[in-house]
């Protein structure tokens, strides 16, 4: 009985230290809203800063560019082709 109780308490302590969300930023969207409060979190479901700011009005929140959103790479300017 003592061992079972110890195992139960040890398991509870182990799982209480695990974070609720594995990833803070969703890399699928370019803009995140940071909500402030007792339980602050990031909500990365916005396609533009304007959309995020519109929905943040009246809330304790701010909008920022998602640092994990993959940026499109522009092609580096190459050498012009020579005419034959």
PDB file of N, CA and C in Angstrom:
ATOM      1  N   UNK A   1       0.830  -1.198   0.000  1.00  0.00           N
ATOM      2  CA  UNK A   1       0.000   0.000   0.000  1.00  0.00           C
ATOM      3  C   UNK A   1       0.871   1.256   0.000  1.00  0.00           C
ATOM      4  N   UNK A   2       1.940   1.181   0.753  1.00  0.00           N
ATOM      5  CA  UNK A   2       2.833   2.327   0.844  1.00  0.00           C
ATOM      6  C   UNK A   2       3.519   2.604  -0.502  1.00  0.00           C
ATOM      7  N   UNK A   3       3.901   1.520  -1.183  1.00  0.00           N
ATOM      8  CA  UNK A   3       4.540   1.658  -2.486  1.00  0.00           C
ATOM      9  C   UNK A   3       3.580   2.238  -3.515  1.00  0.00           C
ATOM     10  N   UNK A   4       2.356   1.791  -3.487  1.00  0.00           N
ATOM     11  CA  UNK A   4       1.355   2.295  -4.439  1.00  0.00           C
ATOM     12  C   UNK A   4       1.113   3.785  -4.215  1.00  0.00           C
ATOM     13  N   UNK A   5       1.032   4.194  -2.973  1.00  0.00           N
ATOM     14  CA  UNK A   5       0.829   5.607  -2.663  1.00  0.00           C
ATOM     15  C   UNK A   5       2.029   6.434  -3.131  1.00  0.00           C
ATOM     16  N   UNK A   6       3.237   5.932  -2.890  1.00  0.00           N
ATOM     17  CA  UNK A   6       4.439   6.632  -3.336  1.00  0.00           C
ATOM     18  C   UNK A   6       4.465   6.746  -4.863  1.00  0.00           C
ATOM     19  N   UNK A   7       4.118   5.668  -5.552  1.00  0.00           N
ATOM     20  CA  UNK A   7       4.103   5.688  -7.018  1.00  0.00           C
ATOM     21  C   UNK A   7       3.074   6.686  -7.535  1.00  0.00           C
ATOM     22  N   UNK A   8       1.925   6.760  -6.893  1.00  0.00           N
ATOM     23  CA  UNK A   8       0.881   7.695  -7.308  1.00  0.00           C
ATOM     24  C   UNK A   8       1.333   9.145  -7.107  1.00  0.00           C
ATOM     25  N   UNK A   9       1.932   9.430  -5.978  1.00  0.00           N
ATOM     26  CA  UNK A   9       2.422  10.785  -5.706  1.00  0.00           C
ATOM     27  C   UNK A   9       3.558  11.138  -6.666  1.00  0.00           C
ATOM     28  N   UNK A  10       4.469  10.214  -6.912  1.00  0.00           N
ATOM     29  CA  UNK A  10       5.588  10.468  -7.824  1.00  0.00           C
ATOM     30  C   UNK A  10       5.084  10.733  -9.242  1.00  0.00           C
ATOM     31  N   UNK A  11       4.098   9.978  -9.683  1.00  0.00           N
ATOM     32  CA  UNK A  11       3.522  10.191 -11.016  1.00  0.00           C
ATOM     33  C   UNK A  11       2.834  11.545 -11.095  1.00  0.00           C
ATOM     34  N   UNK A  12       2.112  11.916 -10.065  1.00  0.00           N
ATOM     35  CA  UNK A  12       1.450  13.224 -10.039  1.00  0.00           C
ATOM     36  C   UNK A  12       2.446  14.366 -10.094  1.00  0.00           C
ATOM     37  N   UNK A  13       3.538  14.248  -9.364  1.00  0.00           N
ATOM     38  CA  UNK A  13       4.576  15.283  -9.393  1.00  0.00           C
ATOM     39  C   UNK A  13       5.256  15.355 -10.755  1.00  0.00           C
ATOM     40  N   UNK A  14       5.446  14.213 -11.376  1.00  0.00           N
ATOM     41  CA  UNK A  14       6.081  14.184 -12.692  1.00  0.00           C
ATOM     42  C   UNK A  14       5.225  14.911 -13.726  1.00  0.00           C
ATOM     43  N   UNK A  15       3.935  14.637 -13.755  1.00  0.00           N
ATOM     44  CA  UNK A  15       3.054  15.245 -14.749  1.00  0.00           C
ATOM     45  C   UNK A  15       2.704  16.693 -14.436  1.00  0.00           C
ATOM     46  N   UNK A  16       2.846  17.112 -13.209  1.00  0.00           N
ATOM     47  CA  UNK A  16       2.537  18.506 -12.885  1.00  0.00           C
ATOM     48  C   UNK A  16       3.601  19.459 -13.417  1.00  0.00           C
ATOM     49  N   UNK A  17       4.786  18.968 -13.717  1.00  0.00           N
ATOM     50  CA  UNK A  17       5.856  19.810 -14.235  1.00  0.00           C
ATOM     51  C   UNK A  17       5.893  19.903 -15.749  1.00  0.00           C
ATOM     52  N   UNK A  18       5.039  19.169 -16.444  1.00  0.00           N
ATOM     53  CA  UNK A  18       5.022  19.169 -17.908  1.00  0.00           C
ATOM     54  C   UNK A  18       4.257  20.391 -18.400  1.00  0.00           C
ATOM     55  N   UNK A  19       4.806  21.157 -19.359  1.00  0.00           N
ATOM     56  CA  UNK A  19       4.086  22.329 -19.871  1.00  0.00           C
ATOM     57  C   UNK A  19       2.811  21.929 -20.602  1.00  0.00           C
ATOM     58  N   UNK A  20       1.823  22.820 -20.549  1.00  0.00           N
ATOM     59  CA  UNK A  20       0.533  22.526 -21.164  1.00  0.00           C
ATOM     60  C   UNK A  20       0.614  22.540 -22.684  1.00  0.00           C
ATOM     61  N   UNK A  21       1.412  23.438 -23.253  1.00  0.00           N
ATOM     62  CA  UNK A  21       1.541  23.544 -24.699  1.00  0.00           C
ATOM     63  C   UNK A  21       2.982  23.267 -25.087  1.00  0.00           C
ATOM     64  N   UNK A  22       3.159  22.363 -26.030  1.00  0.00           N
ATOM     65  CA  UNK A  22       4.510  22.024 -26.450  1.00  0.00           C
ATOM     66  C   UNK A  22       5.133  23.136 -27.278  1.00  0.00           C
ATOM     67  N   UNK A  23       4.319  23.840 -28.059  1.00  0.00           N
ATOM     68  CA  UNK A  23       4.848  24.889 -28.915  1.00  0.00           C
ATOM     69  C   UNK A  23       4.050  26.161 -28.701  1.00  0.00           C
ATOM     70  N   UNK A  24       4.740  27.243 -28.403  1.00  0.00           N
ATOM     71  CA  UNK A  24       4.069  28.512 -28.139  1.00  0.00           C
ATOM     72  C   UNK A  24       3.579  29.164 -29.413  1.00  0.00           C
ATOM     73  N   UNK A  25       4.398  29.157 -30.442  1.00  0.00           N
ATOM     74  CA  UNK A  25       4.062  29.835 -31.690  1.00  0.00           C
ATOM     75  C   UNK A  25       3.650  28.816 -32.743  1.00  0.00           C
ATOM     76  N   UNK A  26       2.543  29.077 -33.430  1.00  0.00           N
ATOM     77  CA  UNK A  26       2.112  28.219 -34.529  1.00  0.00           C
ATOM     78  C   UNK A  26       2.809  28.705 -35.794  1.00  0.00           C
ATOM     79  N   UNK A  27       3.656  27.891 -36.414  1.00  0.00           N
ATOM     80  CA  UNK A  27       4.387  28.355 -37.592  1.00  0.00           C
ATOM     81  C   UNK A  27       3.525  28.489 -38.843  1.00  0.00           C
ATOM     82  N   UNK A  28       2.235  28.191 -38.765  1.00  0.00           N
ATOM     83  CA  UNK A  28       1.353  28.269 -39.930  1.00  0.00           C
ATOM     84  C   UNK A  28       0.861  29.680 -40.218  1.00  0.00           C
ATOM     85  N   UNK A  29       0.929  30.577 -39.252  1.00  0.00           N
ATOM     86  CA  UNK A  29       0.391  31.932 -39.412  1.00  0.00           C
ATOM     87  C   UNK A  29       1.472  32.974 -39.146  1.00  0.00           C
ATOM     88  N   UNK A  30       1.461  34.086 -39.888  1.00  0.00           N
ATOM     89  CA  UNK A  30       2.530  35.077 -39.763  1.00  0.00           C
ATOM     90  C   UNK A  30       2.417  36.034 -38.579  1.00  0.00           C
ATOM     91  N   UNK A  31       1.238  36.103 -37.922  1.00  0.00           N
ATOM     92  CA  UNK A  31       1.038  37.090 -36.857  1.00  0.00           C
ATOM     93  C   UNK A  31       0.487  36.409 -35.605  1.00  0.00           C
ATOM     94  N   UNK A  32       0.991  36.833 -34.445  1.00  0.00           N
ATOM     95  CA  UNK A  32       0.530  36.307 -33.158  1.00  0.00           C
ATOM     96  C   UNK A  32      -0.006  37.437 -32.287  1.00  0.00           C
ATOM     97  N   UNK A  33      -0.999  37.103 -31.469  1.00  0.00           N
ATOM     98  CA  UNK A  33      -1.507  38.028 -30.461  1.00  0.00           C
ATOM     99  C   UNK A  33      -1.042  37.508 -29.103  1.00  0.00           C
ATOM    100  N   UNK A  34      -0.413  38.380 -28.337  1.00  0.00           N
ATOM    101  CA  UNK A  34      -0.010  38.016 -26.983  1.00  0.00           C
ATOM    102  C   UNK A  34      -1.053  38.559 -26.034  1.00  0.00           C
ATOM    103  N   UNK A  35      -1.723  37.659 -25.318  1.00  0.00           N
ATOM    104  CA  UNK A  35      -2.763  38.040 -24.376  1.00  0.00           C
ATOM    105  C   UNK A  35      -2.130  38.080 -22.987  1.00  0.00           C
ATOM    106  N   UNK A  36      -2.319  39.207 -22.293  1.00  0.00           N
ATOM    107  CA  UNK A  36      -1.758  39.394 -20.959  1.00  0.00           C
ATOM    108  C   UNK A  36      -2.823  39.095 -19.914  1.00  0.00           C
ATOM    109  N   UNK A  37      -2.392  38.682 -18.747  1.00  0.00           N
ATOM    110  CA  UNK A  37      -3.311  38.416 -17.652  1.00  0.00           C
ATOM    111  C   UNK A  37      -2.744  37.344 -16.744  1.00  0.00           C
ATOM    112  N   UNK A  38      -3.568  36.845 -15.831  1.00  0.00           N
ATOM    113  CA  UNK A  38      -3.098  35.803 -14.915  1.00  0.00           C
ATOM    114  C   UNK A  38      -2.597  34.565 -15.664  1.00  0.00           C
ATOM    115  N   UNK A  39      -3.277  34.237 -16.759  1.00  0.00           N
ATOM    116  CA  UNK A  39      -2.853  33.115 -17.601  1.00  0.00           C
ATOM    117  C   UNK A  39      -2.557  33.687 -18.983  1.00  0.00           C
ATOM    118  N   UNK A  40      -1.378  34.253 -19.167  1.00  0.00           N
ATOM    119  CA  UNK A  40      -1.009  34.841 -20.450  1.00  0.00           C
ATOM    120  C   UNK A  40      -0.654  33.762 -21.457  1.00  0.00           C
ATOM    121  N   UNK A  41      -0.932  34.042 -22.718  1.00  0.00           N
ATOM    122  CA  UNK A  41      -0.615  33.075 -23.763  1.00  0.00           C
ATOM    123  C   UNK A  41      -0.498  33.777 -25.107  1.00  0.00           C
ATOM    124  N   UNK A  42       0.027  33.062 -26.090  1.00  0.00           N
ATOM    125  CA  UNK A  42       0.135  33.543 -27.458  1.00  0.00           C
ATOM    126  C   UNK A  42      -0.920  32.848 -28.300  1.00  0.00           C
ATOM    127  N   UNK A  43      -1.579  33.615 -29.150  1.00  0.00           N
ATOM    128  CA  UNK A  43      -2.585  33.079 -30.059  1.00  0.00           C
ATOM    129  C   UNK A  43      -2.130  33.412 -31.473  1.00  0.00           C
ATOM    130  N   UNK A  44      -1.597  32.436 -32.168  1.00  0.00           N
ATOM    131  CA  UNK A  44      -1.033  32.663 -33.508  1.00  0.00           C
ATOM    132  C   UNK A  44      -1.988  32.123 -34.571  1.00  0.00           C
ATOM    133  N   UNK A  45      -3.083  32.864 -34.809  1.00  0.00           N
ATOM    134  CA  UNK A  45      -4.060  32.451 -35.819  1.00  0.00           C
ATOM    135  C   UNK A  45      -4.440  33.610 -36.727  1.00  0.00           C
ATOM    136  N   UNK A  46      -3.525  34.515 -36.978  1.00  0.00           N
ATOM    137  CA  UNK A  46      -3.865  35.730 -37.723  1.00  0.00           C
ATOM    138  C   UNK A  46      -3.012  35.841 -38.979  1.00  0.00           C
ATOM    139  N   UNK A  47      -3.647  36.325 -40.044  1.00  0.00           N
ATOM    140  CA  UNK A  47      -2.959  36.425 -41.330  1.00  0.00           C
ATOM    141  C   UNK A  47      -2.343  37.793 -41.567  1.00  0.00           C
ATOM    142  N   UNK A  48      -2.723  38.788 -40.774  1.00  0.00           N
ATOM    143  CA  UNK A  48      -2.146  40.126 -40.932  1.00  0.00           C
ATOM    144  C   UNK A  48      -2.148  40.853 -39.588  1.00  0.00           C
ATOM    145  N   UNK A  49      -1.292  41.868 -39.484  1.00  0.00           N
ATOM    146  CA  UNK A  49      -1.263  42.680 -38.268  1.00  0.00           C
ATOM    147  C   UNK A  49      -2.571  43.441 -38.099  1.00  0.00           C
ATOM    148  N   UNK A  50      -3.171  43.881 -39.200  1.00  0.00           N
ATOM    149  CA  UNK A  50      -4.435  44.621 -39.128  1.00  0.00           C
ATOM    150  C   UNK A  50      -5.543  43.752 -38.539  1.00  0.00           C
ATOM    151  N   UNK A  51      -5.615  42.501 -38.983  1.00  0.00           N
ATOM    152  CA  UNK A  51      -6.624  41.580 -38.461  1.00  0.00           C
ATOM    153  C   UNK A  51      -6.420  41.363 -36.965  1.00  0.00           C
ATOM    154  N   UNK A  52      -5.195  41.158 -36.559  1.00  0.00           N
ATOM    155  CA  UNK A  52      -4.884  40.931 -35.150  1.00  0.00           C
ATOM    156  C   UNK A  52      -5.215  42.159 -34.310  1.00  0.00           C
ATOM    157  N   UNK A  53      -4.807  43.327 -34.788  1.00  0.00           N
ATOM    158  CA  UNK A  53      -5.066  44.566 -34.031  1.00  0.00           C
ATOM    159  C   UNK A  53      -6.556  44.844 -33.897  1.00  0.00           C
ATOM    160  N   UNK A  54      -7.317  44.556 -34.947  1.00  0.00           N
ATOM    161  CA  UNK A  54      -8.762  44.755 -34.893  1.00  0.00           C
ATOM    162  C   UNK A  54      -9.382  43.883 -33.803  1.00  0.00           C
ATOM    163  N   UNK A  55      -8.927  42.642 -33.701  1.00  0.00           N
ATOM    164  CA  UNK A  55      -9.478  41.724 -32.704  1.00  0.00           C
ATOM    165  C   UNK A  55      -8.895  41.940 -31.308  1.00  0.00           C
ATOM    166  N   UNK A  56      -7.804  42.695 -31.205  1.00  0.00           N
ATOM    167  CA  UNK A  56      -7.193  42.964 -29.899  1.00  0.00           C
ATOM    168  C   UNK A  56      -7.788  44.188 -29.218  1.00  0.00           C
ATOM    169  N   UNK A  57      -8.625  44.950 -29.925  1.00  0.00           N
ATOM    170  CA  UNK A  57      -9.217  46.170 -29.360  1.00  0.00           C
ATOM    171  C   UNK A  57     -10.048  45.808 -28.131  1.00  0.00           C
ATOM    172  N   UNK A  58      -9.814  46.526 -27.035  1.00  0.00           N
ATOM    173  CA  UNK A  58     -10.572  46.296 -25.809  1.00  0.00           C
ATOM    174  C   UNK A  58     -10.034  45.167 -24.953  1.00  0.00           C
ATOM    175  N   UNK A  59      -8.989  44.516 -25.392  1.00  0.00           N
ATOM    176  CA  UNK A  59      -8.399  43.418 -24.628  1.00  0.00           C
ATOM    177  C   UNK A  59      -7.017  43.835 -24.146  1.00  0.00           C
ATOM    178  N   UNK A  60      -6.552  43.176 -23.139  1.00  0.00           N
ATOM    179  CA  UNK A  60      -5.186  43.387 -22.672  1.00  0.00           C
ATOM    180  C   UNK A  60      -4.280  42.497 -23.518  1.00  0.00           C
ATOM    181  N   UNK A  61      -3.965  42.985 -24.733  1.00  0.00           N
ATOM    182  CA  UNK A  61      -3.213  42.172 -25.684  1.00  0.00           C
ATOM    183  C   UNK A  61      -2.418  43.055 -26.631  1.00  0.00           C
ATOM    184  N   UNK A  62      -1.444  42.451 -27.282  1.00  0.00           N
ATOM    185  CA  UNK A  62      -0.680  43.137 -28.321  1.00  0.00           C
ATOM    186  C   UNK A  62      -0.391  42.150 -29.441  1.00  0.00           C
ATOM    187  N   UNK A  63      -0.087  42.682 -30.619  1.00  0.00           N
ATOM    188  CA  UNK A  63       0.166  41.857 -31.796  1.00  0.00           C
ATOM    189  C   UNK A  63       1.625  41.978 -32.212  1.00  0.00           C
ATOM    190  N   UNK A  64       2.170  40.883 -32.714  1.00  0.00           N
ATOM    191  CA  UNK A  64       3.565  40.869 -33.151  1.00  0.00           C
ATOM    192  C   UNK A  64       3.726  39.874 -34.291  1.00  0.00           C
ATOM    193  N   UNK A  65       4.772  40.073 -35.061  1.00  0.00           N
ATOM    194  CA  UNK A  65       5.095  39.147 -36.142  1.00  0.00           C
ATOM    195  C   UNK A  65       5.583  37.841 -35.527  1.00  0.00           C
ATOM    196  N   UNK A  66       5.106  36.728 -36.054  1.00  0.00           N
ATOM    197  CA  UNK A  66       5.484  35.410 -35.573  1.00  0.00           C
ATOM    198  C   UNK A  66       6.940  35.133 -35.948  1.00  0.00           C
ATOM    199  N   UNK A  67       7.830  34.962 -34.963  1.00  0.00           N
ATOM    200  CA  UNK A  67       9.242  34.749 -35.282  1.00  0.00           C
ATOM    201  C   UNK A  67       9.517  33.386 -35.909  1.00  0.00           C
ATOM    202  N   UNK A  68       8.567  32.456 -35.832  1.00  0.00           N
ATOM    203  CA  UNK A  68       8.770  31.113 -36.368  1.00  0.00           C
ATOM    204  C   UNK A  68       8.037  30.875 -37.682  1.00  0.00           C
ATOM    205  N   UNK A  69       7.428  31.917 -38.238  1.00  0.00           N
ATOM    206  CA  UNK A  69       6.761  31.782 -39.528  1.00  0.00           C
ATOM    207  C   UNK A  69       7.829  31.741 -40.610  1.00  0.00           C
ATOM    208  N   UNK A  70       7.809  30.706 -41.467  1.00  0.00           N
ATOM    209  CA  UNK A  70       8.847  30.631 -42.507  1.00  0.00           C
ATOM    210  C   UNK A  70       8.672  31.745 -43.534  1.00  0.00           C
ATOM    211  N   UNK A  71       9.681  32.564 -43.677  1.00  0.00           N
ATOM    212  CA  UNK A  71       9.639  33.676 -44.627  1.00  0.00           C
ATOM    213  C   UNK A  71       9.943  33.166 -46.030  1.00  0.00           C
ATOM    214  N   UNK A  72       9.280  33.758 -47.010  1.00  0.00           N
ATOM    215  CA  UNK A  72       9.572  33.405 -48.398  1.00  0.00           C
ATOM    216  C   UNK A  72      10.901  34.050 -48.767  1.00  0.00           C
ATOM    217  N   UNK A  73      11.752  33.277 -49.335  1.00  0.00           N
ATOM    218  CA  UNK A  73      13.061  33.801 -49.728  1.00  0.00           C
ATOM    219  C   UNK A  73      12.971  34.363 -51.138  1.00  0.00           C
ATOM    220  N   UNK A  74      13.470  35.556 -51.293  1.00  0.00           N
ATOM    221  CA  UNK A  74      13.504  36.141 -52.631  1.00  0.00           C
ATOM    222  C   UNK A  74      14.741  35.626 -53.352  1.00  0.00           C
ATOM    223  N   UNK A  75      14.604  35.488 -54.648  1.00  0.00           N
ATOM    224  CA  UNK A  75      15.732  34.993 -55.427  1.00  0.00           C
ATOM    225  C   UNK A  75      16.822  36.055 -55.459  1.00  0.00           C
ATOM    226  N   UNK A  76      18.015  35.607 -55.259  1.00  0.00           N
ATOM    227  CA  UNK A  76      19.149  36.525 -55.310  1.00  0.00           C
ATOM    228  C   UNK A  76      19.351  36.968 -56.756  1.00  0.00           C
ATOM    229  N   UNK A  77      19.637  38.234 -56.945  1.00  0.00           N
ATOM    230  CA  UNK A  77      19.846  38.679 -58.321  1.00  0.00           C
ATOM    231  C   UNK A  77      21.057  37.976 -58.924  1.00  0.00           C
ATOM    232  N   UNK A  78      20.832  37.377 -60.071  1.00  0.00           N
ATOM    233  CA  UNK A  78      21.914  36.648 -60.730  1.00  0.00           C
ATOM    234  C   UNK A  78      22.575  37.498 -61.798  1.00  0.00           C
ATOM    235  N   UNK A  79      23.527  36.913 -62.413  1.00  0.00           N
ATOM    236  CA  UNK A  79      24.199  37.613 -63.505  1.00  0.00           C
ATOM    237  C   UNK A  79      23.301  37.591 -64.729  1.00  0.00           C
ATOM    238  N   UNK A  80      23.259  38.676 -65.460  1.00  0.00           N
ATOM    239  CA  UNK A  80      22.434  38.687 -66.672  1.00  0.00           C
ATOM    240  C   UNK A  80      22.983  37.705 -67.700  1.00  0.00           C
ATOM    241  N   UNK A  81      22.059  37.109 -68.448  1.00  0.00           N
ATOM    242  CA  UNK A  81      22.467  36.152 -69.477  1.00  0.00           C
ATOM    243  C   UNK A  81      23.116  36.897 -70.632  1.00  0.00           C
ATOM    244  N   UNK A  82      24.144  36.286 -71.174  1.00  0.00           N
ATOM    245  CA  UNK A  82      24.841  36.903 -72.304  1.00  0.00           C
ATOM    246  C   UNK A  82      24.170  36.486 -73.606  1.00  0.00           C
ATOM    247  N   UNK A  83      24.066  37.416 -74.506  1.00  0.00           N
ATOM    248  CA  UNK A  83      23.495  37.119 -75.819  1.00  0.00           C
ATOM    249  C   UNK A  83      24.538  36.408 -76.663  1.00  0.00           C
ATOM    250  N   UNK A  84      24.104  35.402 -77.385  1.00  0.00           N
ATOM    251  CA  UNK A  84      25.034  34.660 -78.253  1.00  0.00           C
ATOM    252  C   UNK A  84      25.255  35.338 -79.554  1.00  0.00           C
TER     253      UNK A  84
END
